[in-house]
């Protein structure tokens, strides 16, 4: 089964999320798609929640936390579920080397 152009785009988006940043210009040039516009509601909500930052074409999905004993940081790697609009994936943190599943939803 050959993947669709959209499936290839989502795959490459996931791969870039694993690096901790997304280059929207890459998707514009390769797929002719404006990912920041197409998923504006998702990006805006997570930016407002402090889960990522958007600077021009760059999207960064990392977090920092200052605990009582130490500072920690980590990274989210999400896949966009087109049917539900949820983000599902994994996280990794320097806090006790923790990692696991991660999900994000939009509440109305």
PDB file of N, CA and C in Angstrom:
ATOM      1  N   UNK A   1       0.838  -1.175   0.000  1.00  0.00           N
ATOM      2  CA  UNK A   1       0.000   0.000   0.000  1.00  0.00           C
ATOM      3  C   UNK A   1       0.889   1.246   0.000  1.00  0.00           C
ATOM      4  N   UNK A   2       0.674   2.129  -0.913  1.00  0.00           N
ATOM      5  CA  UNK A   2       1.462   3.347  -1.037  1.00  0.00           C
ATOM      6  C   UNK A   2       0.848   4.455  -0.174  1.00  0.00           C
ATOM      7  N   UNK A   3       1.666   5.118   0.674  1.00  0.00           N
ATOM      8  CA  UNK A   3       1.115   6.197   1.512  1.00  0.00           C
ATOM      9  C   UNK A   3       0.699   7.397   0.666  1.00  0.00           C
ATOM     10  N   UNK A   4      -0.320   8.096   1.143  1.00  0.00           N
ATOM     11  CA  UNK A   4      -0.777   9.309   0.474  1.00  0.00           C
ATOM     12  C   UNK A   4       0.204  10.443   0.761  1.00  0.00           C
ATOM     13  N   UNK A   5       0.086  11.529   0.023  1.00  0.00           N
ATOM     14  CA  UNK A   5       0.925  12.700   0.249  1.00  0.00           C
ATOM     15  C   UNK A   5       0.727  13.235   1.670  1.00  0.00           C
ATOM     16  N   UNK A   6      -0.520  13.243   2.149  1.00  0.00           N
ATOM     17  CA  UNK A   6      -0.810  13.718   3.506  1.00  0.00           C
ATOM     18  C   UNK A   6      -0.153  12.813   4.547  1.00  0.00           C
ATOM     19  N   UNK A   7      -0.204  11.499   4.340  1.00  0.00           N
ATOM     20  CA  UNK A   7       0.428  10.566   5.269  1.00  0.00           C
ATOM     21  C   UNK A   7       1.944  10.777   5.310  1.00  0.00           C
ATOM     22  N   UNK A   8       2.546  11.036   4.160  1.00  0.00           N
ATOM     23  CA  UNK A   8       3.983  11.319   4.113  1.00  0.00           C
ATOM     24  C   UNK A   8       4.304  12.613   4.855  1.00  0.00           C
ATOM     25  N   UNK A   9       3.445  13.633   4.691  1.00  0.00           N
ATOM     26  CA  UNK A   9       3.633  14.892   5.400  1.00  0.00           C
ATOM     27  C   UNK A   9       3.583  14.666   6.907  1.00  0.00           C
ATOM     28  N   UNK A  10       2.576  13.944   7.390  1.00  0.00           N
ATOM     29  CA  UNK A  10       2.429  13.694   8.822  1.00  0.00           C
ATOM     30  C   UNK A  10       3.628  12.894   9.341  1.00  0.00           C
ATOM     31  N   UNK A  11       4.093  11.929   8.572  1.00  0.00           N
ATOM     32  CA  UNK A  11       5.262  11.139   8.971  1.00  0.00           C
ATOM     33  C   UNK A  11       6.477  12.044   9.156  1.00  0.00           C
ATOM     34  N   UNK A  12       6.702  12.939   8.200  1.00  0.00           N
ATOM     35  CA  UNK A  12       7.853  13.832   8.302  1.00  0.00           C
ATOM     36  C   UNK A  12       7.671  14.858   9.418  1.00  0.00           C
ATOM     37  N   UNK A  13       6.438  15.259   9.687  1.00  0.00           N
ATOM     38  CA  UNK A  13       6.166  16.150  10.800  1.00  0.00           C
ATOM     39  C   UNK A  13       6.533  15.469  12.119  1.00  0.00           C
ATOM     40  N   UNK A  14       6.165  14.208  12.256  1.00  0.00           N
ATOM     41  CA  UNK A  14       6.509  13.439  13.455  1.00  0.00           C
ATOM     42  C   UNK A  14       8.022  13.330  13.603  1.00  0.00           C
ATOM     43  N   UNK A  15       8.707  13.040  12.510  1.00  0.00           N
ATOM     44  CA  UNK A  15      10.161  12.928  12.568  1.00  0.00           C
ATOM     45  C   UNK A  15      10.797  14.238  13.017  1.00  0.00           C
ATOM     46  N   UNK A  16      10.282  15.368  12.534  1.00  0.00           N
ATOM     47  CA  UNK A  16      10.825  16.646  12.977  1.00  0.00           C
ATOM     48  C   UNK A  16      10.476  16.928  14.434  1.00  0.00           C
ATOM     49  N   UNK A  17       9.284  16.524  14.877  1.00  0.00           N
ATOM     50  CA  UNK A  17       8.920  16.707  16.290  1.00  0.00           C
ATOM     51  C   UNK A  17       9.902  15.972  17.201  1.00  0.00           C
ATOM     52  N   UNK A  18      10.395  14.834  16.749  1.00  0.00           N
ATOM     53  CA  UNK A  18      11.352  14.071  17.556  1.00  0.00           C
ATOM     54  C   UNK A  18      12.641  14.844  17.790  1.00  0.00           C
ATOM     55  N   UNK A  19      12.967  15.772  16.905  1.00  0.00           N
ATOM     56  CA  UNK A  19      14.169  16.586  17.093  1.00  0.00           C
ATOM     57  C   UNK A  19      13.909  17.753  18.026  1.00  0.00           C
ATOM     58  N   UNK A  20      12.632  18.023  18.321  1.00  0.00           N
ATOM     59  CA  UNK A  20      12.281  19.116  19.211  1.00  0.00           C
ATOM     60  C   UNK A  20      11.937  20.407  18.512  1.00  0.00           C
ATOM     61  N   UNK A  21      12.025  20.440  17.194  1.00  0.00           N
ATOM     62  CA  UNK A  21      11.606  21.631  16.470  1.00  0.00           C
ATOM     63  C   UNK A  21      11.101  21.260  15.090  1.00  0.00           C
ATOM     64  N   UNK A  22      10.240  22.122  14.569  1.00  0.00           N
ATOM     65  CA  UNK A  22       9.632  21.904  13.262  1.00  0.00           C
ATOM     66  C   UNK A  22       9.979  23.091  12.380  1.00  0.00           C
ATOM     67  N   UNK A  23      10.386  22.822  11.160  1.00  0.00           N
ATOM     68  CA  UNK A  23      10.679  23.865  10.175  1.00  0.00           C
ATOM     69  C   UNK A  23       9.518  23.920   9.186  1.00  0.00           C
ATOM     70  N   UNK A  24       8.620  24.895   9.368  1.00  0.00           N
ATOM     71  CA  UNK A  24       7.442  25.000   8.508  1.00  0.00           C
ATOM     72  C   UNK A  24       7.826  25.268   7.056  1.00  0.00           C
ATOM     73  N   UNK A  25       8.931  25.941   6.836  1.00  0.00           N
ATOM     74  CA  UNK A  25       9.395  26.212   5.476  1.00  0.00           C
ATOM     75  C   UNK A  25       9.704  24.935   4.707  1.00  0.00           C
ATOM     76  N   UNK A  26      10.205  23.938   5.412  1.00  0.00           N
ATOM     77  CA  UNK A  26      10.485  22.646   4.791  1.00  0.00           C
ATOM     78  C   UNK A  26       9.210  22.051   4.189  1.00  0.00           C
ATOM     79  N   UNK A  27       8.117  22.092   4.955  1.00  0.00           N
ATOM     80  CA  UNK A  27       6.844  21.528   4.492  1.00  0.00           C
ATOM     81  C   UNK A  27       6.233  22.378   3.378  1.00  0.00           C
ATOM     82  N   UNK A  28       6.435  23.685   3.452  1.00  0.00           N
ATOM     83  CA  UNK A  28       5.965  24.575   2.399  1.00  0.00           C
ATOM     84  C   UNK A  28       6.668  24.228   1.085  1.00  0.00           C
ATOM     85  N   UNK A  29       7.987  24.048   1.145  1.00  0.00           N
ATOM     86  CA  UNK A  29       8.764  23.760  -0.062  1.00  0.00           C
ATOM     87  C   UNK A  29       8.524  22.350  -0.600  1.00  0.00           C
ATOM     88  N   UNK A  30       8.442  21.368   0.287  1.00  0.00           N
ATOM     89  CA  UNK A  30       8.324  19.979  -0.164  1.00  0.00           C
ATOM     90  C   UNK A  30       6.898  19.586  -0.536  1.00  0.00           C
ATOM     91  N   UNK A  31       5.910  20.030   0.282  1.00  0.00           N
ATOM     92  CA  UNK A  31       4.528  19.580   0.086  1.00  0.00           C
ATOM     93  C   UNK A  31       3.583  20.687  -0.391  1.00  0.00           C
ATOM     94  N   UNK A  32       4.052  21.945  -0.387  1.00  0.00           N
ATOM     95  CA  UNK A  32       3.175  23.046  -0.757  1.00  0.00           C
ATOM     96  C   UNK A  32       2.082  23.284   0.264  1.00  0.00           C
ATOM     97  N   UNK A  33       2.379  23.004   1.534  1.00  0.00           N
ATOM     98  CA  UNK A  33       1.391  23.074   2.613  1.00  0.00           C
ATOM     99  C   UNK A  33       1.878  24.034   3.689  1.00  0.00           C
ATOM    100  N   UNK A  34       0.958  24.811   4.223  1.00  0.00           N
ATOM    101  CA  UNK A  34       1.259  25.719   5.338  1.00  0.00           C
ATOM    102  C   UNK A  34       0.824  25.044   6.637  1.00  0.00           C
ATOM    103  N   UNK A  35       1.722  24.275   7.254  1.00  0.00           N
ATOM    104  CA  UNK A  35       1.330  23.503   8.442  1.00  0.00           C
ATOM    105  C   UNK A  35       0.926  24.386   9.612  1.00  0.00           C
ATOM    106  N   UNK A  36       1.525  25.568   9.718  1.00  0.00           N
ATOM    107  CA  UNK A  36       1.153  26.446  10.825  1.00  0.00           C
ATOM    108  C   UNK A  36      -0.245  27.018  10.632  1.00  0.00           C
ATOM    109  N   UNK A  37      -0.680  27.185   9.409  1.00  0.00           N
ATOM    110  CA  UNK A  37      -2.040  27.651   9.115  1.00  0.00           C
ATOM    111  C   UNK A  37      -3.040  26.503   9.208  1.00  0.00           C
ATOM    112  N   UNK A  38      -2.695  25.364   8.605  1.00  0.00           N
ATOM    113  CA  UNK A  38      -3.616  24.231   8.565  1.00  0.00           C
ATOM    114  C   UNK A  38      -3.964  23.720   9.962  1.00  0.00           C
ATOM    115  N   UNK A  39      -3.009  23.760  10.879  1.00  0.00           N
ATOM    116  CA  UNK A  39      -3.225  23.291  12.250  1.00  0.00           C
ATOM    117  C   UNK A  39      -3.096  24.445  13.241  1.00  0.00           C
ATOM    118  N   UNK A  40      -3.494  25.646  12.829  1.00  0.00           N
ATOM    119  CA  UNK A  40      -3.344  26.849  13.660  1.00  0.00           C
ATOM    120  C   UNK A  40      -3.977  26.688  15.042  1.00  0.00           C
ATOM    121  N   UNK A  41      -5.181  26.149  15.117  1.00  0.00           N
ATOM    122  CA  UNK A  41      -5.865  26.003  16.409  1.00  0.00           C
ATOM    123  C   UNK A  41      -5.069  25.129  17.369  1.00  0.00           C
ATOM    124  N   UNK A  42      -4.516  24.037  16.852  1.00  0.00           N
ATOM    125  CA  UNK A  42      -3.733  23.125  17.693  1.00  0.00           C
ATOM    126  C   UNK A  42      -2.480  23.825  18.199  1.00  0.00           C
ATOM    127  N   UNK A  43      -1.713  24.438  17.261  1.00  0.00           N
ATOM    128  CA  UNK A  43      -0.461  25.097  17.659  1.00  0.00           C
ATOM    129  C   UNK A  43      -0.736  26.217  18.656  1.00  0.00           C
ATOM    130  N   UNK A  44      -1.772  27.027  18.404  1.00  0.00           N
ATOM    131  CA  UNK A  44      -2.079  28.171  19.273  1.00  0.00           C
ATOM    132  C   UNK A  44      -2.445  27.732  20.680  1.00  0.00           C
ATOM    133  N   UNK A  45      -3.228  26.685  20.771  1.00  0.00           N
ATOM    134  CA  UNK A  45      -3.643  26.202  22.086  1.00  0.00           C
ATOM    135  C   UNK A  45      -2.452  25.710  22.901  1.00  0.00           C
ATOM    136  N   UNK A  46      -1.579  24.958  22.269  1.00  0.00           N
ATOM    137  CA  UNK A  46      -0.416  24.444  22.990  1.00  0.00           C
ATOM    138  C   UNK A  46       0.591  25.543  23.296  1.00  0.00           C
ATOM    139  N   UNK A  47       0.688  26.544  22.437  1.00  0.00           N
ATOM    140  CA  UNK A  47       1.558  27.686  22.722  1.00  0.00           C
ATOM    141  C   UNK A  47       1.021  28.454  23.931  1.00  0.00           C
ATOM    142  N   UNK A  48      -0.299  28.649  23.980  1.00  0.00           N
ATOM    143  CA  UNK A  48      -0.925  29.351  25.105  1.00  0.00           C
ATOM    144  C   UNK A  48      -0.721  28.591  26.411  1.00  0.00           C
ATOM    145  N   UNK A  49      -0.679  27.270  26.339  1.00  0.00           N
ATOM    146  CA  UNK A  49      -0.470  26.439  27.527  1.00  0.00           C
ATOM    147  C   UNK A  49       1.005  26.306  27.887  1.00  0.00           C
ATOM    148  N   UNK A  50       1.893  26.935  27.095  1.00  0.00           N
ATOM    149  CA  UNK A  50       3.319  26.857  27.378  1.00  0.00           C
ATOM    150  C   UNK A  50       3.964  25.548  26.962  1.00  0.00           C
ATOM    151  N   UNK A  51       3.277  24.780  26.129  1.00  0.00           N
ATOM    152  CA  UNK A  51       3.806  23.484  25.714  1.00  0.00           C
ATOM    153  C   UNK A  51       4.705  23.567  24.489  1.00  0.00           C
ATOM    154  N   UNK A  52       4.630  24.666  23.762  1.00  0.00           N
ATOM    155  CA  UNK A  52       5.500  24.836  22.606  1.00  0.00           C
ATOM    156  C   UNK A  52       5.596  26.306  22.288  1.00  0.00           C
ATOM    157  N   UNK A  53       6.557  26.617  21.454  1.00  0.00           N
ATOM    158  CA  UNK A  53       6.691  28.005  21.017  1.00  0.00           C
ATOM    159  C   UNK A  53       6.750  28.032  19.496  1.00  0.00           C
ATOM    160  N   UNK A  54       6.238  29.105  18.932  1.00  0.00           N
ATOM    161  CA  UNK A  54       6.257  29.290  17.488  1.00  0.00           C
ATOM    162  C   UNK A  54       7.003  30.589  17.214  1.00  0.00           C
ATOM    163  N   UNK A  55       8.028  30.491  16.408  1.00  0.00           N
ATOM    164  CA  UNK A  55       8.821  31.660  16.027  1.00  0.00           C
ATOM    165  C   UNK A  55       9.004  31.606  14.523  1.00  0.00           C
ATOM    166  N   UNK A  56       8.176  32.340  13.801  1.00  0.00           N
ATOM    167  CA  UNK A  56       8.216  32.277  12.342  1.00  0.00           C
ATOM    168  C   UNK A  56       7.802  30.895  11.871  1.00  0.00           C
ATOM    169  N   UNK A  57       8.702  30.194  11.205  1.00  0.00           N
ATOM    170  CA  UNK A  57       8.431  28.845  10.711  1.00  0.00           C
ATOM    171  C   UNK A  57       8.861  27.755  11.687  1.00  0.00           C
ATOM    172  N   UNK A  58       9.374  28.138  12.830  1.00  0.00           N
ATOM    173  CA  UNK A  58       9.929  27.155  13.764  1.00  0.00           C
ATOM    174  C   UNK A  58       8.967  26.885  14.906  1.00  0.00           C
ATOM    175  N   UNK A  59       8.702  25.604  15.168  1.00  0.00           N
ATOM    176  CA  UNK A  59       7.864  25.187  16.286  1.00  0.00           C
ATOM    177  C   UNK A  59       8.718  24.308  17.192  1.00  0.00           C
ATOM    178  N   UNK A  60       8.792  24.663  18.465  1.00  0.00           N
ATOM    179  CA  UNK A  60       9.601  23.897  19.408  1.00  0.00           C
ATOM    180  C   UNK A  60       8.709  23.357  20.504  1.00  0.00           C
ATOM    181  N   UNK A  61       8.775  22.050  20.742  1.00  0.00           N
ATOM    182  CA  UNK A  61       7.920  21.391  21.732  1.00  0.00           C
ATOM    183  C   UNK A  61       8.783  20.772  22.826  1.00  0.00           C
ATOM    184  N   UNK A  62       9.249  21.618  23.728  1.00  0.00           N
ATOM    185  CA  UNK A  62      10.033  21.142  24.866  1.00  0.00           C
ATOM    186  C   UNK A  62       9.498  21.801  26.124  1.00  0.00           C
ATOM    187  N   UNK A  63       9.917  21.309  27.257  1.00  0.00           N
ATOM    188  CA  UNK A  63       9.497  21.953  28.494  1.00  0.00           C
ATOM    189  C   UNK A  63      10.649  22.005  29.480  1.00  0.00           C
ATOM    190  N   UNK A  64      10.561  22.984  30.369  1.00  0.00           N
ATOM    191  CA  UNK A  64      11.519  23.155  31.457  1.00  0.00           C
ATOM    192  C   UNK A  64      10.724  23.323  32.733  1.00  0.00           C
ATOM    193  N   UNK A  65      11.254  22.785  33.810  1.00  0.00           N
ATOM    194  CA  UNK A  65      10.560  22.880  35.084  1.00  0.00           C
ATOM    195  C   UNK A  65      11.597  23.062  36.181  1.00  0.00           C
ATOM    196  N   UNK A  66      11.312  23.966  37.109  1.00  0.00           N
ATOM    197  CA  UNK A  66      12.198  24.162  38.256  1.00  0.00           C
ATOM    198  C   UNK A  66      11.532  23.559  39.476  1.00  0.00           C
ATOM    199  N   UNK A  67      12.043  22.411  39.895  1.00  0.00           N
ATOM    200  CA  UNK A  67      11.514  21.749  41.081  1.00  0.00           C
ATOM    201  C   UNK A  67      12.226  22.232  42.328  1.00  0.00           C
ATOM    202  N   UNK A  68      11.813  21.736  43.478  1.00  0.00           N
ATOM    203  CA  UNK A  68      12.414  22.148  44.744  1.00  0.00           C
ATOM    204  C   UNK A  68      13.877  21.714  44.829  1.00  0.00           C
ATOM    205  N   UNK A  69      14.209  20.564  44.264  1.00  0.00           N
ATOM    206  CA  UNK A  69      15.567  20.036  44.378  1.00  0.00           C
ATOM    207  C   UNK A  69      16.393  20.151  43.110  1.00  0.00           C
ATOM    208  N   UNK A  70      15.744  20.224  41.974  1.00  0.00           N
ATOM    209  CA  UNK A  70      16.506  20.263  40.719  1.00  0.00           C
ATOM    210  C   UNK A  70      15.646  20.826  39.588  1.00  0.00           C
ATOM    211  N   UNK A  71      16.339  21.239  38.538  1.00  0.00           N
ATOM    212  CA  UNK A  71      15.660  21.669  37.315  1.00  0.00           C
ATOM    213  C   UNK A  71      15.586  20.469  36.378  1.00  0.00           C
ATOM    214  N   UNK A  72      14.493  20.376  35.658  1.00  0.00           N
ATOM    215  CA  UNK A  72      14.323  19.283  34.698  1.00  0.00           C
ATOM    216  C   UNK A  72      13.899  19.849  33.356  1.00  0.00           C
ATOM    217  N   UNK A  73      14.047  19.039  32.336  1.00  0.00           N
ATOM    218  CA  UNK A  73      13.546  19.408  31.022  1.00  0.00           C
ATOM    219  C   UNK A  73      13.171  18.144  30.285  1.00  0.00           C
ATOM    220  N   UNK A  74      12.482  18.306  29.193  1.00  0.00           N
ATOM    221  CA  UNK A  74      12.052  17.142  28.433  1.00  0.00           C
ATOM    222  C   UNK A  74      11.511  17.527  27.081  1.00  0.00           C
ATOM    223  N   UNK A  75      10.968  16.543  26.433  1.00  0.00           N
ATOM    224  CA  UNK A  75      10.511  16.732  25.061  1.00  0.00           C
ATOM    225  C   UNK A  75       9.263  15.870  24.825  1.00  0.00           C
ATOM    226  N   UNK A  76       8.316  16.442  24.087  1.00  0.00           N
ATOM    227  CA  UNK A  76       7.141  15.709  23.649  1.00  0.00           C
ATOM    228  C   UNK A  76       7.295  15.350  22.174  1.00  0.00           C
ATOM    229  N   UNK A  77       6.883  14.162  21.828  1.00  0.00           N
ATOM    230  CA  UNK A  77       6.834  13.730  20.430  1.00  0.00           C
ATOM    231  C   UNK A  77       5.408  13.263  20.178  1.00  0.00           C
ATOM    232  N   UNK A  78       4.673  14.012  19.374  1.00  0.00           N
ATOM    233  CA  UNK A  78       3.260  13.728  19.151  1.00  0.00           C
ATOM    234  C   UNK A  78       2.956  13.371  17.712  1.00  0.00           C
ATOM    235  N   UNK A  79       1.888  12.636  17.523  1.00  0.00           N
ATOM    236  CA  UNK A  79       1.309  12.333  16.215  1.00  0.00           C
ATOM    237  C   UNK A  79      -0.101  12.910  16.218  1.00  0.00           C
ATOM    238  N   UNK A  80      -0.458  13.585  15.151  1.00  0.00           N
ATOM    239  CA  UNK A  80      -1.787  14.186  15.055  1.00  0.00           C
ATOM    240  C   UNK A  80      -2.762  13.152  14.535  1.00  0.00           C
ATOM    241  N   UNK A  81      -3.799  12.868  15.317  1.00  0.00           N
ATOM    242  CA  UNK A  81      -4.866  11.959  14.899  1.00  0.00           C
ATOM    243  C   UNK A  81      -5.904  12.800  14.160  1.00  0.00           C
ATOM    244  N   UNK A  82      -5.959  12.665  12.847  1.00  0.00           N
ATOM    245  CA  UNK A  82      -6.835  13.503  12.029  1.00  0.00           C
ATOM    246  C   UNK A  82      -8.315  13.329  12.376  1.00  0.00           C
ATOM    247  N   UNK A  83      -8.712  12.139  12.753  1.00  0.00           N
ATOM    248  CA  UNK A  83     -10.124  11.884  13.042  1.00  0.00           C
ATOM    249  C   UNK A  83     -10.585  12.597  14.311  1.00  0.00           C
ATOM    250  N   UNK A  84      -9.770  12.555  15.366  1.00  0.00           N
ATOM    251  CA  UNK A  84     -10.197  13.117  16.645  1.00  0.00           C
ATOM    252  C   UNK A  84      -9.589  14.481  16.949  1.00  0.00           C
ATOM    253  N   UNK A  85      -8.507  14.842  16.252  1.00  0.00           N
ATOM    254  CA  UNK A  85      -7.817  16.093  16.542  1.00  0.00           C
ATOM    255  C   UNK A  85      -6.893  15.993  17.741  1.00  0.00           C
ATOM    256  N   UNK A  86      -6.781  14.796  18.325  1.00  0.00           N
ATOM    257  CA  UNK A  86      -5.900  14.592  19.480  1.00  0.00           C
ATOM    258  C   UNK A  86      -4.452  14.475  19.043  1.00  0.00           C
ATOM    259  N   UNK A  87      -3.570  14.790  19.947  1.00  0.00           N
ATOM    260  CA  UNK A  87      -2.153  14.537  19.756  1.00  0.00           C
ATOM    261  C   UNK A  87      -1.794  13.368  20.669  1.00  0.00           C
ATOM    262  N   UNK A  88      -1.250  12.317  20.107  1.00  0.00           N
ATOM    263  CA  UNK A  88      -0.849  11.146  20.864  1.00  0.00           C
ATOM    264  C   UNK A  88       0.619  10.877  20.602  1.00  0.00           C
ATOM    265  N   UNK A  89       1.332  10.438  21.605  1.00  0.00           N
ATOM    266  CA  UNK A  89       2.733  10.137  21.408  1.00  0.00           C
ATOM    267  C   UNK A  89       3.420   9.801  22.709  1.00  0.00           C
ATOM    268  N   UNK A  90       4.646  10.289  22.836  1.00  0.00           N
ATOM    269  CA  UNK A  90       5.464   9.961  23.997  1.00  0.00           C
ATOM    270  C   UNK A  90       6.116  11.222  24.551  1.00  0.00           C
ATOM    271  N   UNK A  91       6.677  11.072  25.758  1.00  0.00           N
ATOM    272  CA  UNK A  91       7.466  12.146  26.350  1.00  0.00           C
ATOM    273  C   UNK A  91       8.699  11.524  26.986  1.00  0.00           C
ATOM    274  N   UNK A  92       9.703  12.334  27.158  1.00  0.00           N
ATOM    275  CA  UNK A  92      10.901  11.929  27.889  1.00  0.00           C
ATOM    276  C   UNK A  92      11.330  13.127  28.715  1.00  0.00           C
ATOM    277  N   UNK A  93      11.768  12.871  29.950  1.00  0.00           N
ATOM    278  CA  UNK A  93      12.148  13.938  30.861  1.00  0.00           C
ATOM    279  C   UNK A  93      13.408  13.555  31.613  1.00  0.00           C
ATOM    280  N   UNK A  94      14.179  14.556  31.988  1.00  0.00           N
ATOM    281  CA  UNK A  94      15.357  14.299  32.804  1.00  0.00           C
ATOM    282  C   UNK A  94      14.985  14.043  34.257  1.00  0.00           C
ATOM    283  N   UNK A  95      13.734  14.272  34.634  1.00  0.00           N
ATOM    284  CA  UNK A  95      13.276  14.015  36.000  1.00  0.00           C
ATOM    285  C   UNK A  95      13.250  12.511  36.240  1.00  0.00           C
ATOM    286  N   UNK A  96      14.243  12.023  36.926  1.00  0.00           N
ATOM    287  CA  UNK A  96      14.376  10.594  37.240  1.00  0.00           C
ATOM    288  C   UNK A  96      14.373   9.727  35.988  1.00  0.00           C
ATOM    289  N   UNK A  97      14.787  10.308  34.863  1.00  0.00           N
ATOM    290  CA  UNK A  97      14.826   9.537  33.619  1.00  0.00           C
ATOM    291  C   UNK A  97      13.473   9.023  33.189  1.00  0.00           C
ATOM    292  N   UNK A  98      12.431   9.773  33.503  1.00  0.00           N
ATOM    293  CA  UNK A  98      11.073   9.296  33.212  1.00  0.00           C
ATOM    294  C   UNK A  98      10.712   9.459  31.739  1.00  0.00           C
ATOM    295  N   UNK A  99       9.857   8.558  31.286  1.00  0.00           N
ATOM    296  CA  UNK A  99       9.333   8.611  29.928  1.00  0.00           C
ATOM    297  C   UNK A  99       8.055   7.804  29.879  1.00  0.00           C
ATOM    298  N   UNK A 100       7.267   8.032  28.852  1.00  0.00           N
ATOM    299  CA  UNK A 100       6.028   7.274  28.737  1.00  0.00           C
ATOM    300  C   UNK A 100       5.126   7.848  27.663  1.00  0.00           C
ATOM    301  N   UNK A 101       3.867   7.450  27.741  1.00  0.00           N
ATOM    302  CA  UNK A 101       2.880   7.900  26.759  1.00  0.00           C
ATOM    303  C   UNK A 101       2.415   9.300  27.101  1.00  0.00           C
ATOM    304  N   UNK A 102       2.018  10.027  26.065  1.00  0.00           N
ATOM    305  CA  UNK A 102       1.525  11.388  26.220  1.00  0.00           C
ATOM    306  C   UNK A 102       0.344  11.599  25.301  1.00  0.00           C
ATOM    307  N   UNK A 103      -0.648  12.322  25.759  1.00  0.00           N
ATOM    308  CA  UNK A 103      -1.800  12.649  24.918  1.00  0.00           C
ATOM    309  C   UNK A 103      -2.263  14.048  25.261  1.00  0.00           C
ATOM    310  N   UNK A 104      -2.769  14.737  24.269  1.00  0.00           N
ATOM    311  CA  UNK A 104      -3.291  16.068  24.475  1.00  0.00           C
ATOM    312  C   UNK A 104      -4.610  16.186  23.722  1.00  0.00           C
ATOM    313  N   UNK A 105      -5.577  16.817  24.355  1.00  0.00           N
ATOM    314  CA  UNK A 105      -6.875  17.017  23.729  1.00  0.00           C
ATOM    315  C   UNK A 105      -7.280  18.466  23.879  1.00  0.00           C
ATOM    316  N   UNK A 106      -8.227  18.830  23.081  1.00  0.00           N
ATOM    317  CA  UNK A 106      -8.776  20.185  23.137  1.00  0.00           C
ATOM    318  C   UNK A 106     -10.127  20.123  23.808  1.00  0.00           C
ATOM    319  N   UNK A 107     -10.306  20.878  24.885  1.00  0.00           N
ATOM    320  CA  UNK A 107     -11.592  20.926  25.571  1.00  0.00           C
ATOM    321  C   UNK A 107     -12.337  22.173  25.138  1.00  0.00           C
ATOM    322  N   UNK A 108     -13.601  22.010  24.850  1.00  0.00           N
ATOM    323  CA  UNK A 108     -14.433  23.151  24.438  1.00  0.00           C
ATOM    324  C   UNK A 108     -15.220  23.668  25.611  1.00  0.00           C
TER     325      UNK A 108
END
